[in-house]
PDB file of N, CA and C in Angstrom:
ATOM      1  N   MET A   1      60.219  83.105  30.807  1.00  0.00           N
ATOM      2  CA  MET A   1      58.929  83.718  31.025  1.00  0.00           C
ATOM      3  C   MET A   1      58.942  84.377  32.399  1.00  0.00           C
ATOM      4  N   GLN A   2      58.516  85.606  32.455  1.00  0.00           N
ATOM      5  CA  GLN A   2      58.497  86.355  33.706  1.00  0.00           C
ATOM      6  C   GLN A   2      57.071  86.377  34.251  1.00  0.00           C
ATOM      7  N   ASN A   3      56.862  85.782  35.411  1.00  0.00           N
ATOM      8  CA  ASN A   3      55.559  85.788  36.066  1.00  0.00           C
ATOM      9  C   ASN A   3      55.793  86.040  37.549  1.00  0.00           C
ATOM     10  N   PRO A   4      55.433  87.221  38.046  1.00  0.00           N
ATOM     11  CA  PRO A   4      55.705  87.532  39.450  1.00  0.00           C
ATOM     12  C   PRO A   4      54.879  86.696  40.428  1.00  0.00           C
ATOM     13  N   SER A   5      53.814  86.053  39.945  1.00  0.00           N
ATOM     14  CA  SER A   5      52.995  85.223  40.831  1.00  0.00           C
ATOM     15  C   SER A   5      53.668  83.890  41.133  1.00  0.00           C
ATOM     16  N   LEU A   6      54.587  83.481  40.275  1.00  0.00           N
ATOM     17  CA  LEU A   6      55.270  82.204  40.467  1.00  0.00           C
ATOM     18  C   LEU A   6      56.632  82.422  41.099  1.00  0.00           C
ATOM     19  N   ARG A   7      56.984  81.526  41.983  1.00  0.00           N
ATOM     20  CA  ARG A   7      58.316  81.571  42.584  1.00  0.00           C
ATOM     21  C   ARG A   7      58.735  80.137  42.884  1.00  0.00           C
ATOM     22  N   GLN A   8      60.005  79.918  42.947  1.00  0.00           N
ATOM     23  CA  GLN A   8      60.534  78.585  43.171  1.00  0.00           C
ATOM     24  C   GLN A   8      60.813  78.388  44.650  1.00  0.00           C
ATOM     25  N   GLU A   9      60.359  77.269  45.164  1.00  0.00           N
ATOM     26  CA  GLU A   9      60.583  76.901  46.564  1.00  0.00           C
ATOM     27  C   GLU A   9      61.366  75.586  46.582  1.00  0.00           C
ATOM     28  N   PRO A  10      62.237  75.401  47.546  1.00  0.00           N
ATOM     29  CA  PRO A  10      62.938  74.123  47.647  1.00  0.00           C
ATOM     30  C   PRO A  10      61.943  72.984  47.898  1.00  0.00           C
ATOM     31  N   ARG A  11      62.196  71.855  47.273  1.00  0.00           N
ATOM     32  CA  ARG A  11      61.261  70.732  47.322  1.00  0.00           C
ATOM     33  C   ARG A  11      61.016  70.222  48.739  1.00  0.00           C
ATOM     34  N   TYR A  12      62.041  70.095  49.526  1.00  0.00           N
ATOM     35  CA  TYR A  12      61.901  69.471  50.843  1.00  0.00           C
ATOM     36  C   TYR A  12      61.754  70.486  51.975  1.00  0.00           C
ATOM     37  N   GLU A  13      61.525  71.734  51.634  1.00  0.00           N
ATOM     38  CA  GLU A  13      61.304  72.778  52.631  1.00  0.00           C
ATOM     39  C   GLU A  13      59.817  73.122  52.663  1.00  0.00           C
ATOM     40  N   PRO A  14      59.294  73.469  53.837  1.00  0.00           N
ATOM     41  CA  PRO A  14      57.885  73.878  53.880  1.00  0.00           C
ATOM     42  C   PRO A  14      57.674  75.169  53.086  1.00  0.00           C
ATOM     43  N   ALA A  15      56.568  75.227  52.394  1.00  0.00           N
ATOM     44  CA  ALA A  15      56.255  76.412  51.591  1.00  0.00           C
ATOM     45  C   ALA A  15      55.871  77.567  52.498  1.00  0.00           C
ATOM     46  N   ARG A  16      56.146  78.774  52.027  1.00  0.00           N
ATOM     47  CA  ARG A  16      55.757  79.959  52.782  1.00  0.00           C
ATOM     48  C   ARG A  16      54.246  80.130  52.711  1.00  0.00           C
ATOM     49  N   VAL A  17      53.684  80.637  53.777  1.00  0.00           N
ATOM     50  CA  VAL A  17      52.242  80.869  53.829  1.00  0.00           C
ATOM     51  C   VAL A  17      51.935  82.201  53.165  1.00  0.00           C
ATOM     52  N   ILE A  18      50.901  82.215  52.338  1.00  0.00           N
ATOM     53  CA  ILE A  18      50.499  83.446  51.673  1.00  0.00           C
ATOM     54  C   ILE A  18      49.796  84.329  52.695  1.00  0.00           C
ATOM     55  N   PRO A  19      50.226  85.557  52.861  1.00  0.00           N
ATOM     56  CA  PRO A  19      49.586  86.425  53.862  1.00  0.00           C
ATOM     57  C   PRO A  19      48.158  86.779  53.454  1.00  0.00           C
ATOM     58  N   VAL A  20      47.288  86.837  54.444  1.00  0.00           N
ATOM     59  CA  VAL A  20      45.884  87.167  54.215  1.00  0.00           C
ATOM     60  C   VAL A  20      45.708  88.671  54.342  1.00  0.00           C
ATOM     61  N   ASN A  21      45.048  89.256  53.380  1.00  0.00           N
ATOM     62  CA  ASN A  21      44.760  90.680  53.414  1.00  0.00           C
ATOM     63  C   ASN A  21      43.375  90.847  54.026  1.00  0.00           C
ATOM     64  N   LYS A  22      43.301  91.237  55.275  1.00  0.00           N
ATOM     65  CA  LYS A  22      42.027  91.331  55.980  1.00  0.00           C
ATOM     66  C   LYS A  22      41.296  92.633  55.696  1.00  0.00           C
ATOM     67  N   ASP A  23      41.918  93.537  54.951  1.00  0.00           N
ATOM     68  CA  ASP A  23      41.292  94.824  54.671  1.00  0.00           C
ATOM     69  C   ASP A  23      40.320  94.768  53.496  1.00  0.00           C
ATOM     70  N   SER A  24      40.382  93.719  52.698  1.00  0.00           N
ATOM     71  CA  SER A  24      39.506  93.668  51.530  1.00  0.00           C
ATOM     72  C   SER A  24      38.804  92.318  51.443  1.00  0.00           C
ATOM     73  N   SER A  25      37.684  92.317  50.742  1.00  0.00           N
ATOM     74  CA  SER A  25      36.921  91.090  50.548  1.00  0.00           C
ATOM     75  C   SER A  25      37.169  90.564  49.141  1.00  0.00           C
ATOM     76  N   ILE A  26      36.620  89.423  48.857  1.00  0.00           N
ATOM     77  CA  ILE A  26      36.777  88.830  47.531  1.00  0.00           C
ATOM     78  C   ILE A  26      36.114  89.714  46.483  1.00  0.00           C
ATOM     79  N   ILE A  27      34.963  90.299  46.829  1.00  0.00           N
ATOM     80  CA  ILE A  27      34.266  91.184  45.890  1.00  0.00           C
ATOM     81  C   ILE A  27      35.138  92.396  45.568  1.00  0.00           C
ATOM     82  N   GLU A  28      35.736  92.982  46.592  1.00  0.00           N
ATOM     83  CA  GLU A  28      36.609  94.138  46.362  1.00  0.00           C
ATOM     84  C   GLU A  28      37.808  93.752  45.505  1.00  0.00           C
ATOM     85  N   TRP A  29      38.360  92.570  45.729  1.00  0.00           N
ATOM     86  CA  TRP A  29      39.496  92.111  44.927  1.00  0.00           C
ATOM     87  C   TRP A  29      39.074  91.916  43.477  1.00  0.00           C
ATOM     88  N   LEU A  30      37.889  91.322  43.250  1.00  0.00           N
ATOM     89  CA  LEU A  30      37.405  91.129  41.883  1.00  0.00           C
ATOM     90  C   LEU A  30      37.196  92.472  41.183  1.00  0.00           C
ATOM     91  N   GLU A  31      36.627  93.431  41.884  1.00  0.00           N
ATOM     92  CA  GLU A  31      36.425  94.760  41.302  1.00  0.00           C
ATOM     93  C   GLU A  31      37.763  95.433  41.007  1.00  0.00           C
ATOM     94  N   ARG A  32      38.695  95.330  41.937  1.00  0.00           N
ATOM     95  CA  ARG A  32      39.997  95.988  41.802  1.00  0.00           C
ATOM     96  C   ARG A  32      40.799  95.406  40.641  1.00  0.00           C
ATOM     97  N   THR A  33      40.694  94.115  40.418  1.00  0.00           N
ATOM     98  CA  THR A  33      41.468  93.477  39.353  1.00  0.00           C
ATOM     99  C   THR A  33      40.726  93.433  38.028  1.00  0.00           C
ATOM    100  N   GLY A  34      39.495  93.965  38.002  1.00  0.00           N
ATOM    101  CA  GLY A  34      38.735  93.992  36.752  1.00  0.00           C
ATOM    102  C   GLY A  34      38.153  92.650  36.373  1.00  0.00           C
ATOM    103  N   ARG A  35      37.982  91.763  37.321  1.00  0.00           N
ATOM    104  CA  ARG A  35      37.468  90.424  37.031  1.00  0.00           C
ATOM    105  C   ARG A  35      35.989  90.264  37.358  1.00  0.00           C
ATOM    106  N   LEU A  36      35.377  91.290  37.921  1.00  0.00           N
ATOM    107  CA  LEU A  36      33.954  91.230  38.253  1.00  0.00           C
ATOM    108  C   LEU A  36      33.156  91.647  37.025  1.00  0.00           C
ATOM    109  N   ILE A  37      32.318  90.746  36.548  1.00  0.00           N
ATOM    110  CA  ILE A  37      31.515  91.019  35.362  1.00  0.00           C
ATOM    111  C   ILE A  37      30.186  91.610  35.811  1.00  0.00           C
ATOM    112  N   PRO A  38      29.831  92.789  35.319  1.00  0.00           N
ATOM    113  CA  PRO A  38      28.557  93.388  35.738  1.00  0.00           C
ATOM    114  C   PRO A  38      27.375  92.580  35.215  1.00  0.00           C
ATOM    115  N   ARG A  39      26.308  92.584  35.982  1.00  0.00           N
ATOM    116  CA  ARG A  39      25.097  91.865  35.606  1.00  0.00           C
ATOM    117  C   ARG A  39      24.457  92.566  34.413  1.00  0.00           C
ATOM    118  N   GLU A  40      23.861  91.757  33.530  1.00  0.00           N
ATOM    119  CA  GLU A  40      23.184  92.326  32.370  1.00  0.00           C
ATOM    120  C   GLU A  40      21.934  93.061  32.829  1.00  0.00           C
ATOM    121  N   LYS A  41      21.663  94.202  32.199  1.00  0.00           N
ATOM    122  CA  LYS A  41      20.494  94.987  32.587  1.00  0.00           C
ATOM    123  C   LYS A  41      19.206  94.283  32.186  1.00  0.00           C
ATOM    124  N   GLU A  42      19.191  93.683  31.010  1.00  0.00           N
ATOM    125  CA  GLU A  42      18.021  92.952  30.546  1.00  0.00           C
ATOM    126  C   GLU A  42      18.312  91.466  30.663  1.00  0.00           C
ATOM    127  N   GLU A  43      17.408  90.759  31.314  1.00  0.00           N
ATOM    128  CA  GLU A  43      17.603  89.321  31.446  1.00  0.00           C
ATOM    129  C   GLU A  43      17.224  88.637  30.141  1.00  0.00           C
ATOM    130  N   ARG A  44      17.961  87.602  29.831  1.00  0.00           N
ATOM    131  CA  ARG A  44      17.672  86.848  28.621  1.00  0.00           C
ATOM    132  C   ARG A  44      16.445  85.976  28.833  1.00  0.00           C
ATOM    133  N   GLU A  45      15.793  85.650  27.739  1.00  0.00           N
ATOM    134  CA  GLU A  45      14.636  84.769  27.807  1.00  0.00           C
ATOM    135  C   GLU A  45      15.133  83.370  28.144  1.00  0.00           C
ATOM    136  N   LEU A  46      14.525  82.749  29.150  1.00  0.00           N
ATOM    137  CA  LEU A  46      14.995  81.450  29.612  1.00  0.00           C
ATOM    138  C   LEU A  46      14.662  80.334  28.634  1.00  0.00           C
ATOM    139  N   ILE A  47      13.501  80.401  27.994  1.00  0.00           N
ATOM    140  CA  ILE A  47      13.097  79.360  27.053  1.00  0.00           C
ATOM    141  C   ILE A  47      13.202  79.945  25.646  1.00  0.00           C
ATOM    142  N   PRO A  48      13.992  79.306  24.784  1.00  0.00           N
ATOM    143  CA  PRO A  48      14.104  79.812  23.415  1.00  0.00           C
ATOM    144  C   PRO A  48      12.745  79.778  22.709  1.00  0.00           C
ATOM    145  N   GLU A  49      12.585  80.653  21.746  1.00  0.00           N
ATOM    146  CA  GLU A  49      11.307  80.772  21.048  1.00  0.00           C
ATOM    147  C   GLU A  49      10.927  79.472  20.354  1.00  0.00           C
ATOM    148  N   ASP A  50      11.906  78.720  19.839  1.00  0.00           N
ATOM    149  CA  ASP A  50      11.615  77.447  19.169  1.00  0.00           C
ATOM    150  C   ASP A  50      10.972  76.457  20.128  1.00  0.00           C
ATOM    151  N   GLU A  51      11.437  76.416  21.345  1.00  0.00           N
ATOM    152  CA  GLU A  51      10.884  75.483  22.324  1.00  0.00           C
ATOM    153  C   GLU A  51       9.482  75.883  22.745  1.00  0.00           C
ATOM    154  N   LEU A  52       9.178  77.164  22.722  1.00  0.00           N
ATOM    155  CA  LEU A  52       7.826  77.601  23.044  1.00  0.00           C
ATOM    156  C   LEU A  52       6.840  77.055  22.021  1.00  0.00           C
ATOM    157  N   GLU A  53       7.232  77.047  20.757  1.00  0.00           N
ATOM    158  CA  GLU A  53       6.360  76.507  19.727  1.00  0.00           C
ATOM    159  C   GLU A  53       6.152  75.014  19.921  1.00  0.00           C
ATOM    160  N   LEU A  54       7.186  74.282  20.307  1.00  0.00           N
ATOM    161  CA  LEU A  54       7.049  72.849  20.542  1.00  0.00           C
ATOM    162  C   LEU A  54       6.145  72.558  21.728  1.00  0.00           C
ATOM    163  N   SER A  55       6.184  73.409  22.737  1.00  0.00           N
ATOM    164  CA  SER A  55       5.371  73.162  23.921  1.00  0.00           C
ATOM    165  C   SER A  55       3.881  73.265  23.613  1.00  0.00           C
ATOM    166  N   GLU A  56       3.523  73.975  22.562  1.00  0.00           N
ATOM    167  CA  GLU A  56       2.119  74.050  22.177  1.00  0.00           C
ATOM    168  C   GLU A  56       1.599  72.697  21.708  1.00  0.00           C
ATOM    169  N   PHE A  57       2.471  71.874  21.122  1.00  0.00           N
ATOM    170  CA  PHE A  57       2.058  70.574  20.613  1.00  0.00           C
ATOM    171  C   PHE A  57       2.082  69.490  21.681  1.00  0.00           C
ATOM    172  N   MET A  58       2.766  69.734  22.755  1.00  0.00           N
ATOM    173  CA  MET A  58       2.874  68.735  23.815  1.00  0.00           C
ATOM    174  C   MET A  58       1.609  68.710  24.655  1.00  0.00           C
ATOM    175  N   ASP A  59       1.272  67.516  25.120  1.00  0.00           N
ATOM    176  CA  ASP A  59       0.110  67.361  25.983  1.00  0.00           C
ATOM    177  C   ASP A  59       0.511  67.764  27.391  1.00  0.00           C
ATOM    178  N   SER A  60      -0.220  68.673  27.978  1.00  0.00           N
ATOM    179  CA  SER A  60       0.121  69.143  29.318  1.00  0.00           C
ATOM    180  C   SER A  60      -0.635  68.384  30.398  1.00  0.00           C
ATOM    181  N   ASP A  61      -1.383  67.343  30.007  1.00  0.00           N
ATOM    182  CA  ASP A  61      -2.135  66.553  30.977  1.00  0.00           C
ATOM    183  C   ASP A  61      -1.160  65.648  31.720  1.00  0.00           C
ATOM    184  N   ASP A  62      -1.015  65.854  33.017  1.00  0.00           N
ATOM    185  CA  ASP A  62      -0.047  65.102  33.808  1.00  0.00           C
ATOM    186  C   ASP A  62      -0.614  63.824  34.406  1.00  0.00           C
ATOM    187  N   THR A  63      -1.829  63.482  34.092  1.00  0.00           N
ATOM    188  CA  THR A  63      -2.418  62.269  34.668  1.00  0.00           C
ATOM    189  C   THR A  63      -1.918  61.051  33.911  1.00  0.00           C
ATOM    190  N   TYR A  64      -1.914  59.929  34.564  1.00  0.00           N
ATOM    191  CA  TYR A  64      -1.523  58.676  33.948  1.00  0.00           C
ATOM    192  C   TYR A  64      -2.360  57.566  34.564  1.00  0.00           C
ATOM    193  N   ASP A  65      -2.481  56.483  33.827  1.00  0.00           N
ATOM    194  CA  ASP A  65      -3.287  55.352  34.294  1.00  0.00           C
ATOM    195  C   ASP A  65      -2.496  54.551  35.310  1.00  0.00           C
ATOM    196  N   ILE A  66      -3.143  54.211  36.383  1.00  0.00           N
ATOM    197  CA  ILE A  66      -2.522  53.388  37.414  1.00  0.00           C
ATOM    198  C   ILE A  66      -3.058  51.978  37.257  1.00  0.00           C
ATOM    199  N   ASP A  67      -2.179  51.020  37.142  1.00  0.00           N
ATOM    200  CA  ASP A  67      -2.580  49.627  37.001  1.00  0.00           C
ATOM    201  C   ASP A  67      -3.035  49.118  38.363  1.00  0.00           C
ATOM    202  N   ILE A  68      -4.321  48.858  38.476  1.00  0.00           N
ATOM    203  CA  ILE A  68      -4.881  48.412  39.753  1.00  0.00           C
ATOM    204  C   ILE A  68      -4.365  47.016  40.106  1.00  0.00           C
ATOM    205  N   ASP A  69      -4.097  46.204  39.093  1.00  0.00           N
ATOM    206  CA  ASP A  69      -3.644  44.832  39.335  1.00  0.00           C
ATOM    207  C   ASP A  69      -2.156  44.755  39.647  1.00  0.00           C
ATOM    208  N   ASP A  70      -1.493  45.866  39.711  1.00  0.00           N
ATOM    209  CA  ASP A  70      -0.060  45.874  39.997  1.00  0.00           C
ATOM    210  C   ASP A  70       0.161  45.508  41.461  1.00  0.00           C
ATOM    211  N   ASP A  71       0.606  44.290  41.694  1.00  0.00           N
ATOM    212  CA  ASP A  71       0.795  43.809  43.066  1.00  0.00           C
ATOM    213  C   ASP A  71       2.246  43.423  43.320  1.00  0.00           C
ATOM    214  N   ASP A  72       3.167  44.164  42.724  1.00  0.00           N
ATOM    215  CA  ASP A  72       4.588  43.870  42.926  1.00  0.00           C
ATOM    216  C   ASP A  72       5.012  44.086  44.369  1.00  0.00           C
ATOM    217  N   ASP A  73       4.306  44.933  45.087  1.00  0.00           N
ATOM    218  CA  ASP A  73       4.667  45.201  46.473  1.00  0.00           C
ATOM    219  C   ASP A  73       4.303  44.049  47.400  1.00  0.00           C
ATOM    220  N   GLU A  74       3.374  43.208  46.965  1.00  0.00           N
ATOM    221  CA  GLU A  74       2.933  42.091  47.796  1.00  0.00           C
ATOM    222  C   GLU A  74       3.633  40.818  47.330  1.00  0.00           C
ATOM    223  N   VAL A  75       4.776  40.532  47.868  1.00  0.00           N
ATOM    224  CA  VAL A  75       5.540  39.349  47.497  1.00  0.00           C
ATOM    225  C   VAL A  75       5.280  38.272  48.539  1.00  0.00           C
ATOM    226  N   VAL A  76       4.806  37.110  48.068  1.00  0.00           N
ATOM    227  CA  VAL A  76       4.512  35.991  48.959  1.00  0.00           C
ATOM    228  C   VAL A  76       5.605  34.951  48.767  1.00  0.00           C
ATOM    229  N   ILE A  77       6.253  34.572  49.849  1.00  0.00           N
ATOM    230  CA  ILE A  77       7.325  33.583  49.797  1.00  0.00           C
ATOM    231  C   ILE A  77       6.772  32.255  50.291  1.00  0.00           C
ATOM    232  N   ASP A  78       6.896  31.249  49.441  1.00  0.00           N
ATOM    233  CA  ASP A  78       6.447  29.911  49.809  1.00  0.00           C
ATOM    234  C   ASP A  78       7.593  29.236  50.558  1.00  0.00           C
ATOM    235  N   GLU A  79       7.435  29.085  51.868  1.00  0.00           N
ATOM    236  CA  GLU A  79       8.506  28.531  52.696  1.00  0.00           C
ATOM    237  C   GLU A  79       8.728  27.050  52.439  1.00  0.00           C
ATOM    238  N   ASP A  80       7.708  26.340  51.945  1.00  0.00           N
ATOM    239  CA  ASP A  80       7.862  24.914  51.653  1.00  0.00           C
ATOM    240  C   ASP A  80       8.763  24.689  50.447  1.00  0.00           C
ATOM    241  N   ALA A  81       8.831  25.654  49.545  1.00  0.00           N
ATOM    242  CA  ALA A  81       9.646  25.508  48.348  1.00  0.00           C
ATOM    243  C   ALA A  81      11.129  25.679  48.661  1.00  0.00           C
ATOM    244  N   LEU A  82      11.451  26.272  49.794  1.00  0.00           N
ATOM    245  CA  LEU A  82      12.855  26.490  50.144  1.00  0.00           C
ATOM    246  C   LEU A  82      13.399  25.275  50.725  1.00  0.00           C
TER     247      LEU A  82
END
């Protein structure tokens, strides 16, 4: 298999450093190599139509009952029992 990006280096030798091309940016490289995907002109709908129908049946009331007798935060330790 011929792949110019791959090369063999000796195992116990330090690898060569890949030179940095300071003349171009990552965006320019993506455009040059054809890897930059253009943005869609029309944005897709974020919520599918089926889910919109389900949301009509859901209760949108965000209130909930708070148990006034909930005293879990007040823990009393009986030191005589220890």
